[in-house]
Amino acid sequence: MAQLISMADVELVDIVDKNDIPIGVAPRKGIHKLKGHHRAVHIFMFDGKGRLWLELRAKHVDTYPLHYSSSAAGHVRHKESYLSAARREALEELGIKNLKLKRVHKFTASSVNEFITLFTTRSGKRPTAHEDTEKFRLFDINEIEKISKKEKFSPVFMLLFRWYMDNIQNL
């Protein structure tokens, strides 16, 4: 027998046009299979020594299981701002309240079908794993590119990381 799902149980995201203007709504589950653009946030959380916390994605997630990715990331919900989404994801995925998030850059949806806004933060707190995380690990940012040949990193993370290293890290 089919199980009924309440609309309250379905997380909705905005489908947006090439200018990031909402043109529709769709369930988050399966959003990457649609051709439409949508929105996401990524957070790079650094410790006091400038090392970057990365999450190892759980083996059951639908995209890039057992790959390292941003400290936290997620989709922007229907009618939610990028900053509100980043705050929500920081709490849900890192288990840390009241992080001071700095908006670093907004990426167009040209290569990954998502408009992504990247935020950074610093914290002396250790993130706590959630159900979609195997573990968190600290990385020296100058070593990530070198070890990317033996460790698995999600392609989106590597895109954001390389942009960060080329444009922000050296400021």
N, C-alpha and C. Protein backbone atom coordinates (compact mmCIF):
# COMPACT_ATOMS: atom_id res chain seq x y z
N MET A 1 0.84 -1.18 0.00
CA MET A 1 0.00 0.00 0.00
C MET A 1 0.89 1.24 0.00
N ALA A 2 0.59 2.21 -0.81
CA ALA A 2 1.37 3.45 -0.89
C ALA A 2 1.18 4.26 0.38
N GLN A 3 2.26 4.88 0.80
CA GLN A 3 2.22 5.72 1.99
C GLN A 3 1.98 7.16 1.57
N LEU A 4 1.01 7.80 2.17
CA LEU A 4 0.72 9.20 1.86
C LEU A 4 1.70 10.10 2.58
N ILE A 5 2.12 11.13 1.89
CA ILE A 5 3.06 12.09 2.47
C ILE A 5 2.37 13.44 2.53
N SER A 6 2.42 14.06 3.67
CA SER A 6 1.84 15.38 3.84
C SER A 6 2.73 16.42 3.18
N MET A 7 2.12 17.46 2.60
CA MET A 7 2.91 18.55 2.01
C MET A 7 3.79 19.22 3.06
N ALA A 8 3.39 19.14 4.34
CA ALA A 8 4.21 19.71 5.41
C ALA A 8 5.53 18.96 5.55
N ASP A 9 5.57 17.69 5.09
CA ASP A 9 6.78 16.88 5.17
C ASP A 9 7.71 17.07 3.98
N VAL A 10 7.26 17.83 2.97
CA VAL A 10 8.04 18.01 1.75
C VAL A 10 8.74 19.36 1.81
N GLU A 11 10.05 19.33 1.70
CA GLU A 11 10.83 20.57 1.68
C GLU A 11 10.80 21.12 0.25
N LEU A 12 10.32 22.34 0.10
CA LEU A 12 10.20 22.96 -1.22
C LEU A 12 11.32 23.95 -1.47
N VAL A 13 11.75 24.02 -2.72
CA VAL A 13 12.76 24.99 -3.14
C VAL A 13 12.24 25.75 -4.35
N ASP A 14 12.74 26.96 -4.52
CA ASP A 14 12.37 27.76 -5.69
C ASP A 14 13.13 27.29 -6.91
N ILE A 15 12.44 27.18 -8.03
CA ILE A 15 13.08 27.03 -9.33
C ILE A 15 13.25 28.46 -9.83
N VAL A 16 14.45 28.78 -10.31
CA VAL A 16 14.73 30.17 -10.71
C VAL A 16 15.20 30.23 -12.16
N ASP A 17 15.06 31.42 -12.75
CA ASP A 17 15.53 31.60 -14.12
C ASP A 17 17.01 31.96 -14.14
N LYS A 18 17.53 32.30 -15.31
CA LYS A 18 18.96 32.59 -15.45
C LYS A 18 19.40 33.83 -14.68
N ASN A 19 18.44 34.63 -14.19
CA ASN A 19 18.75 35.82 -13.39
C ASN A 19 18.47 35.61 -11.91
N ASP A 20 18.23 34.36 -11.51
CA ASP A 20 17.94 33.99 -10.12
C ASP A 20 16.60 34.57 -9.64
N ILE A 21 15.65 34.70 -10.54
CA ILE A 21 14.30 35.15 -10.20
C ILE A 21 13.41 33.91 -10.13
N PRO A 22 12.66 33.74 -9.02
CA PRO A 22 11.80 32.56 -8.90
C PRO A 22 10.75 32.48 -10.02
N ILE A 23 10.62 31.27 -10.59
CA ILE A 23 9.62 31.04 -11.64
C ILE A 23 8.77 29.81 -11.33
N GLY A 24 9.06 29.15 -10.23
CA GLY A 24 8.29 27.97 -9.85
C GLY A 24 8.80 27.40 -8.55
N VAL A 25 8.18 26.31 -8.13
CA VAL A 25 8.53 25.65 -6.87
C VAL A 25 8.56 24.14 -7.14
N ALA A 26 9.48 23.44 -6.48
CA ALA A 26 9.58 21.99 -6.62
C ALA A 26 10.06 21.38 -5.31
N PRO A 27 9.78 20.10 -5.09
CA PRO A 27 10.33 19.43 -3.90
C PRO A 27 11.85 19.36 -3.98
N ARG A 28 12.52 19.51 -2.85
CA ARG A 28 13.98 19.45 -2.82
C ARG A 28 14.48 18.06 -3.22
N LYS A 29 13.80 17.04 -2.75
CA LYS A 29 14.22 15.68 -3.10
C LYS A 29 14.11 15.50 -4.62
N GLY A 30 15.20 15.13 -5.22
CA GLY A 30 15.22 14.93 -6.66
C GLY A 30 15.45 16.19 -7.49
N ILE A 31 15.72 17.30 -6.81
CA ILE A 31 15.87 18.58 -7.53
C ILE A 31 17.01 18.54 -8.55
N HIS A 32 18.05 17.78 -8.28
CA HIS A 32 19.18 17.74 -9.21
C HIS A 32 18.85 17.00 -10.50
N LYS A 33 17.75 16.25 -10.51
CA LYS A 33 17.34 15.56 -11.74
C LYS A 33 16.56 16.49 -12.66
N LEU A 34 16.05 17.59 -12.13
CA LEU A 34 15.33 18.57 -12.95
C LEU A 34 16.32 19.41 -13.74
N LYS A 35 15.86 19.96 -14.82
CA LYS A 35 16.74 20.81 -15.63
C LYS A 35 16.77 22.25 -15.13
N GLY A 36 15.83 22.63 -14.28
CA GLY A 36 15.74 24.01 -13.81
C GLY A 36 16.81 24.38 -12.80
N HIS A 37 17.15 25.66 -12.79
CA HIS A 37 18.11 26.18 -11.80
C HIS A 37 17.42 26.31 -10.45
N HIS A 38 18.22 26.21 -9.40
CA HIS A 38 17.75 26.41 -8.04
C HIS A 38 18.88 27.03 -7.23
N ARG A 39 18.67 27.22 -5.93
CA ARG A 39 19.62 27.94 -5.09
C ARG A 39 20.21 27.05 -4.00
N ALA A 40 21.48 27.37 -3.65
CA ALA A 40 22.15 26.63 -2.57
C ALA A 40 23.12 27.56 -1.85
N VAL A 41 23.51 27.14 -0.67
CA VAL A 41 24.53 27.85 0.10
C VAL A 41 25.61 26.85 0.50
N HIS A 42 26.83 27.36 0.62
CA HIS A 42 27.96 26.57 1.14
C HIS A 42 28.65 27.43 2.18
N ILE A 43 29.15 26.78 3.21
CA ILE A 43 29.88 27.46 4.28
C ILE A 43 31.25 26.81 4.43
N PHE A 44 32.28 27.65 4.43
CA PHE A 44 33.63 27.22 4.77
C PHE A 44 33.88 27.69 6.20
N MET A 45 34.00 26.76 7.15
CA MET A 45 34.27 27.12 8.54
C MET A 45 35.73 26.82 8.86
N PHE A 46 36.44 27.86 9.25
CA PHE A 46 37.86 27.75 9.59
C PHE A 46 38.02 27.74 11.09
N ASP A 47 39.08 27.06 11.56
CA ASP A 47 39.40 27.12 12.99
C ASP A 47 40.33 28.32 13.23
N GLY A 48 40.79 28.50 14.44
CA GLY A 48 41.65 29.63 14.79
C GLY A 48 43.00 29.64 14.10
N LYS A 49 43.42 28.49 13.57
CA LYS A 49 44.71 28.39 12.88
C LYS A 49 44.56 28.48 11.36
N GLY A 50 43.33 28.75 10.88
CA GLY A 50 43.11 28.87 9.45
C GLY A 50 42.89 27.56 8.73
N ARG A 51 42.72 26.49 9.50
CA ARG A 51 42.42 25.19 8.88
C ARG A 51 40.92 25.11 8.59
N LEU A 52 40.57 24.35 7.57
CA LEU A 52 39.20 24.27 7.10
C LEU A 52 38.55 22.96 7.54
N TRP A 53 37.40 23.07 8.21
CA TRP A 53 36.61 21.89 8.56
C TRP A 53 35.85 21.44 7.33
N LEU A 54 35.99 20.17 6.96
CA LEU A 54 35.21 19.60 5.87
C LEU A 54 34.43 18.40 6.38
N GLU A 55 33.25 18.22 5.80
CA GLU A 55 32.45 17.05 6.18
C GLU A 55 32.68 15.93 5.18
N LEU A 56 32.75 14.72 5.70
CA LEU A 56 32.74 13.54 4.85
C LEU A 56 31.28 13.14 4.75
N ARG A 57 30.72 13.24 3.55
CA ARG A 57 29.31 12.96 3.35
C ARG A 57 29.01 11.48 3.63
N ALA A 58 27.86 11.23 4.21
CA ALA A 58 27.46 9.87 4.57
C ALA A 58 27.28 9.00 3.33
N LYS A 59 27.37 7.70 3.52
CA LYS A 59 27.27 6.78 2.39
C LYS A 59 25.87 6.70 1.81
N HIS A 60 24.84 7.17 2.52
CA HIS A 60 23.46 7.07 2.03
C HIS A 60 22.97 8.33 1.32
N VAL A 61 23.74 9.42 1.27
CA VAL A 61 23.26 10.64 0.62
C VAL A 61 23.17 10.45 -0.89
N ASP A 62 22.31 11.23 -1.54
CA ASP A 62 22.05 11.00 -2.96
C ASP A 62 23.12 11.55 -3.91
N THR A 63 23.90 12.50 -3.47
CA THR A 63 24.98 13.00 -4.34
C THR A 63 26.32 12.94 -3.61
N TYR A 64 27.29 12.39 -4.26
CA TYR A 64 28.67 12.28 -3.79
C TYR A 64 28.81 11.69 -2.38
N PRO A 65 28.27 10.49 -2.18
CA PRO A 65 28.48 9.83 -0.89
C PRO A 65 29.97 9.54 -0.68
N LEU A 66 30.38 9.63 0.58
CA LEU A 66 31.76 9.37 1.00
C LEU A 66 32.78 10.26 0.27
N HIS A 67 32.38 11.47 -0.03
CA HIS A 67 33.27 12.51 -0.56
C HIS A 67 33.33 13.64 0.47
N TYR A 68 34.47 14.27 0.58
CA TYR A 68 34.57 15.46 1.42
C TYR A 68 33.90 16.62 0.70
N SER A 69 33.27 17.47 1.48
CA SER A 69 32.59 18.63 0.92
C SER A 69 32.72 19.80 1.89
N SER A 70 32.10 20.91 1.55
CA SER A 70 32.14 22.11 2.38
C SER A 70 31.76 21.78 3.82
N SER A 71 32.14 22.66 4.73
CA SER A 71 31.81 22.46 6.14
C SER A 71 30.32 22.22 6.32
N ALA A 72 29.53 23.01 5.61
CA ALA A 72 28.07 22.85 5.60
C ALA A 72 27.57 23.33 4.25
N ALA A 73 26.49 22.75 3.81
CA ALA A 73 25.89 23.15 2.53
C ALA A 73 24.45 22.69 2.51
N GLY A 74 23.67 23.36 1.71
CA GLY A 74 22.29 22.94 1.56
C GLY A 74 21.53 23.82 0.61
N HIS A 75 20.31 23.42 0.34
CA HIS A 75 19.46 24.15 -0.57
C HIS A 75 18.75 25.29 0.15
N VAL A 76 18.51 26.35 -0.58
CA VAL A 76 17.72 27.47 -0.08
C VAL A 76 16.26 27.09 -0.27
N ARG A 77 15.50 27.13 0.79
CA ARG A 77 14.09 26.76 0.73
C ARG A 77 13.24 27.83 0.04
N HIS A 78 12.06 27.43 -0.34
CA HIS A 78 11.08 28.33 -0.96
C HIS A 78 10.89 29.57 -0.08
N LYS A 79 11.04 30.74 -0.67
CA LYS A 79 10.87 32.05 -0.01
C LYS A 79 11.90 32.32 1.09
N GLU A 80 13.01 31.61 1.14
CA GLU A 80 14.05 31.81 2.14
C GLU A 80 15.20 32.58 1.49
N SER A 81 15.86 33.44 2.25
CA SER A 81 17.02 34.17 1.73
C SER A 81 18.26 33.28 1.81
N TYR A 82 19.29 33.67 1.06
CA TYR A 82 20.56 32.93 1.13
C TYR A 82 21.12 32.97 2.56
N LEU A 83 21.09 34.14 3.20
CA LEU A 83 21.64 34.25 4.55
C LEU A 83 20.85 33.40 5.55
N SER A 84 19.52 33.44 5.46
CA SER A 84 18.71 32.61 6.36
C SER A 84 19.01 31.13 6.16
N ALA A 85 19.17 30.73 4.90
CA ALA A 85 19.50 29.33 4.62
C ALA A 85 20.86 28.96 5.20
N ALA A 86 21.84 29.86 5.07
CA ALA A 86 23.17 29.59 5.62
C ALA A 86 23.13 29.47 7.14
N ARG A 87 22.37 30.32 7.80
CA ARG A 87 22.24 30.23 9.25
C ARG A 87 21.59 28.91 9.66
N ARG A 88 20.54 28.52 8.93
CA ARG A 88 19.85 27.26 9.22
C ARG A 88 20.79 26.07 9.00
N GLU A 89 21.51 26.08 7.89
CA GLU A 89 22.43 24.97 7.59
C GLU A 89 23.57 24.90 8.62
N ALA A 90 24.07 26.05 9.06
CA ALA A 90 25.13 26.05 10.08
C ALA A 90 24.65 25.36 11.35
N LEU A 91 23.43 25.65 11.75
CA LEU A 91 22.90 25.02 12.96
C LEU A 91 22.61 23.54 12.72
N GLU A 92 21.95 23.22 11.60
CA GLU A 92 21.59 21.83 11.31
C GLU A 92 22.81 20.95 11.06
N GLU A 93 23.76 21.44 10.29
CA GLU A 93 24.86 20.58 9.85
C GLU A 93 26.11 20.68 10.70
N LEU A 94 26.31 21.80 11.37
CA LEU A 94 27.50 21.96 12.21
C LEU A 94 27.16 21.89 13.70
N GLY A 95 25.89 22.11 14.01
CA GLY A 95 25.47 22.09 15.41
C GLY A 95 25.95 23.31 16.19
N ILE A 96 26.21 24.40 15.48
CA ILE A 96 26.75 25.61 16.12
C ILE A 96 25.80 26.78 15.89
N LYS A 97 25.38 27.42 16.99
CA LYS A 97 24.49 28.58 16.91
C LYS A 97 25.30 29.86 16.76
N ASN A 98 24.66 30.84 16.17
CA ASN A 98 25.15 32.22 16.13
C ASN A 98 26.54 32.39 15.53
N LEU A 99 26.84 31.64 14.49
CA LEU A 99 28.10 31.87 13.78
C LEU A 99 28.02 33.18 13.03
N LYS A 100 29.10 33.92 13.04
CA LYS A 100 29.15 35.15 12.25
C LYS A 100 29.55 34.76 10.83
N LEU A 101 28.58 34.81 9.93
CA LEU A 101 28.78 34.39 8.55
C LEU A 101 29.10 35.58 7.67
N LYS A 102 30.12 35.43 6.85
CA LYS A 102 30.50 36.49 5.90
C LYS A 102 30.21 35.99 4.49
N ARG A 103 29.37 36.75 3.77
CA ARG A 103 29.07 36.41 2.38
C ARG A 103 30.31 36.74 1.56
N VAL A 104 30.82 35.74 0.84
CA VAL A 104 32.06 35.89 0.10
C VAL A 104 31.82 36.08 -1.39
N HIS A 105 30.92 35.26 -1.96
CA HIS A 105 30.71 35.34 -3.40
C HIS A 105 29.45 34.59 -3.78
N LYS A 106 28.80 35.08 -4.84
CA LYS A 106 27.65 34.38 -5.39
C LYS A 106 28.05 33.86 -6.77
N PHE A 107 27.92 32.55 -6.94
CA PHE A 107 28.26 31.89 -8.20
C PHE A 107 27.00 31.74 -9.05
N THR A 108 27.12 31.98 -10.34
CA THR A 108 25.98 31.79 -11.24
C THR A 108 25.76 30.30 -11.46
N ALA A 109 24.63 29.98 -12.02
CA ALA A 109 24.25 28.58 -12.20
C ALA A 109 24.80 27.98 -13.49
N SER A 110 25.86 28.53 -14.02
CA SER A 110 26.36 28.09 -15.32
C SER A 110 26.88 26.65 -15.33
N SER A 111 27.59 26.22 -14.32
CA SER A 111 28.22 24.90 -14.40
C SER A 111 27.54 23.82 -13.56
N VAL A 112 26.77 24.17 -12.56
CA VAL A 112 26.20 23.15 -11.69
C VAL A 112 24.68 23.26 -11.51
N ASN A 113 24.02 24.08 -12.29
CA ASN A 113 22.56 24.26 -12.21
C ASN A 113 22.09 24.90 -10.91
N GLU A 114 23.01 25.34 -10.07
CA GLU A 114 22.65 25.99 -8.82
C GLU A 114 23.29 27.37 -8.77
N PHE A 115 22.52 28.33 -8.29
CA PHE A 115 23.12 29.59 -7.87
C PHE A 115 23.62 29.32 -6.46
N ILE A 116 24.92 29.45 -6.25
CA ILE A 116 25.50 29.14 -4.95
C ILE A 116 26.09 30.40 -4.34
N THR A 117 25.72 30.66 -3.09
CA THR A 117 26.35 31.73 -2.34
C THR A 117 27.27 31.09 -1.31
N LEU A 118 28.54 31.51 -1.35
CA LEU A 118 29.55 30.98 -0.44
C LEU A 118 29.72 31.93 0.74
N PHE A 119 29.68 31.36 1.93
CA PHE A 119 29.90 32.09 3.17
C PHE A 119 31.13 31.51 3.86
N THR A 120 31.83 32.34 4.62
CA THR A 120 32.92 31.86 5.45
C THR A 120 32.66 32.26 6.90
N THR A 121 33.31 31.56 7.80
CA THR A 121 33.22 31.87 9.22
C THR A 121 34.44 31.28 9.92
N ARG A 122 34.72 31.77 11.11
CA ARG A 122 35.77 31.22 11.97
C ARG A 122 35.12 30.84 13.29
N SER A 123 35.58 29.72 13.82
CA SER A 123 35.05 29.28 15.11
C SER A 123 36.06 28.38 15.80
N GLY A 124 36.12 28.50 17.09
CA GLY A 124 36.94 27.61 17.89
C GLY A 124 36.19 26.35 18.29
N LYS A 125 34.93 26.27 17.89
CA LYS A 125 34.11 25.11 18.24
C LYS A 125 34.28 24.01 17.22
N ARG A 126 34.15 22.79 17.69
CA ARG A 126 34.21 21.61 16.82
C ARG A 126 32.79 21.31 16.33
N PRO A 127 32.62 21.11 15.02
CA PRO A 127 31.28 20.78 14.52
C PRO A 127 30.86 19.39 14.99
N THR A 128 29.56 19.18 15.10
CA THR A 128 29.03 17.88 15.47
C THR A 128 28.35 17.25 14.26
N ALA A 129 28.63 15.99 14.02
CA ALA A 129 28.08 15.29 12.87
C ALA A 129 26.57 15.12 13.00
N HIS A 130 25.90 15.10 11.86
CA HIS A 130 24.46 14.85 11.81
C HIS A 130 24.24 13.62 10.93
N GLU A 131 22.99 13.29 10.63
CA GLU A 131 22.70 12.03 9.95
C GLU A 131 23.28 11.92 8.53
N ASP A 132 23.60 13.03 7.88
CA ASP A 132 24.16 12.98 6.53
C ASP A 132 25.68 13.12 6.51
N THR A 133 26.31 13.03 7.68
CA THR A 133 27.76 13.21 7.80
C THR A 133 28.38 11.97 8.45
N GLU A 134 29.42 11.44 7.82
CA GLU A 134 30.19 10.36 8.43
C GLU A 134 31.07 10.93 9.54
N LYS A 135 31.76 12.03 9.19
CA LYS A 135 32.65 12.68 10.17
C LYS A 135 33.07 14.04 9.63
N PHE A 136 33.65 14.84 10.51
CA PHE A 136 34.29 16.10 10.13
C PHE A 136 35.79 15.92 10.29
N ARG A 137 36.54 16.64 9.45
CA ARG A 137 37.99 16.58 9.52
C ARG A 137 38.57 17.95 9.20
N LEU A 138 39.60 18.33 9.94
CA LEU A 138 40.31 19.58 9.67
C LEU A 138 41.35 19.37 8.58
N PHE A 139 41.41 20.32 7.64
CA PHE A 139 42.39 20.27 6.56
C PHE A 139 43.17 21.56 6.52
N ASP A 140 44.47 21.47 6.32
CA ASP A 140 45.30 22.63 6.02
C ASP A 140 44.93 23.02 4.59
N ILE A 141 44.51 24.26 4.37
CA ILE A 141 44.01 24.63 3.05
C ILE A 141 45.07 24.51 1.95
N ASN A 142 46.33 24.63 2.32
CA ASN A 142 47.38 24.51 1.31
C ASN A 142 47.66 23.06 0.91
N GLU A 143 47.08 22.11 1.62
CA GLU A 143 47.28 20.69 1.32
C GLU A 143 46.13 20.09 0.51
N ILE A 144 44.98 20.74 0.50
CA ILE A 144 43.79 20.14 -0.12
C ILE A 144 44.02 19.82 -1.60
N GLU A 145 44.54 20.74 -2.35
CA GLU A 145 44.77 20.50 -3.78
C GLU A 145 45.70 19.31 -3.98
N LYS A 146 46.75 19.23 -3.16
CA LYS A 146 47.72 18.13 -3.29
C LYS A 146 47.09 16.77 -3.01
N ILE A 147 46.26 16.70 -1.98
CA ILE A 147 45.70 15.40 -1.61
C ILE A 147 44.41 15.07 -2.36
N SER A 148 43.94 15.98 -3.22
CA SER A 148 42.70 15.73 -3.96
C SER A 148 42.84 14.57 -4.94
N LYS A 149 44.05 14.13 -5.20
CA LYS A 149 44.25 12.99 -6.09
C LYS A 149 44.05 11.66 -5.36
N LYS A 150 44.20 11.66 -4.02
CA LYS A 150 44.01 10.41 -3.28
C LYS A 150 42.76 10.42 -2.40
N GLU A 151 42.30 11.58 -1.99
CA GLU A 151 41.06 11.70 -1.23
C GLU A 151 39.94 12.10 -2.19
N LYS A 152 38.71 11.73 -1.89
CA LYS A 152 37.57 12.10 -2.73
C LYS A 152 36.96 13.40 -2.21
N PHE A 153 36.88 14.40 -3.09
CA PHE A 153 36.24 15.67 -2.80
C PHE A 153 35.12 15.87 -3.81
N SER A 154 33.99 16.42 -3.37
CA SER A 154 32.90 16.64 -4.31
C SER A 154 33.33 17.69 -5.34
N PRO A 155 32.89 17.53 -6.58
CA PRO A 155 33.27 18.50 -7.62
C PRO A 155 32.83 19.93 -7.32
N VAL A 156 31.65 20.10 -6.72
CA VAL A 156 31.19 21.45 -6.39
C VAL A 156 32.11 22.07 -5.34
N PHE A 157 32.47 21.29 -4.33
CA PHE A 157 33.39 21.82 -3.33
C PHE A 157 34.70 22.26 -3.99
N MET A 158 35.26 21.43 -4.86
CA MET A 158 36.53 21.77 -5.51
C MET A 158 36.40 23.03 -6.35
N LEU A 159 35.29 23.22 -7.02
CA LEU A 159 35.04 24.44 -7.79
C LEU A 159 35.08 25.66 -6.87
N LEU A 160 34.34 25.58 -5.76
CA LEU A 160 34.30 26.70 -4.80
C LEU A 160 35.66 26.91 -4.15
N PHE A 161 36.32 25.82 -3.78
CA PHE A 161 37.61 25.92 -3.10
C PHE A 161 38.66 26.56 -4.01
N ARG A 162 38.71 26.13 -5.25
CA ARG A 162 39.70 26.71 -6.18
C ARG A 162 39.43 28.19 -6.40
N TRP A 163 38.16 28.57 -6.50
CA TRP A 163 37.83 29.99 -6.63
C TRP A 163 38.30 30.73 -5.37
N TYR A 164 38.03 30.17 -4.19
CA TYR A 164 38.44 30.79 -2.94
C TYR A 164 39.96 30.99 -2.89
N MET A 165 40.69 29.97 -3.24
CA MET A 165 42.16 30.06 -3.20
C MET A 165 42.69 31.10 -4.18
N ASP A 166 42.07 31.21 -5.34
CA ASP A 166 42.51 32.17 -6.35
C ASP A 166 42.10 33.61 -6.04
N ASN A 167 40.99 33.79 -5.33
CA ASN A 167 40.42 35.13 -5.19
C ASN A 167 40.38 35.70 -3.77
N ILE A 168 40.36 34.88 -2.77
CA ILE A 168 40.19 35.37 -1.40
C ILE A 168 41.40 35.07 -0.53
N GLN A 169 41.86 33.87 -0.56
CA GLN A 169 42.90 33.42 0.35
C GLN A 169 44.15 34.30 0.27
N ASN A 170 44.45 34.83 -0.89
CA ASN A 170 45.68 35.61 -1.05
C ASN A 170 45.49 37.11 -0.83
N LEU A 171 44.31 37.53 -0.39
CA LEU A 171 44.08 38.97 -0.16
C LEU A 171 44.83 39.46 1.06
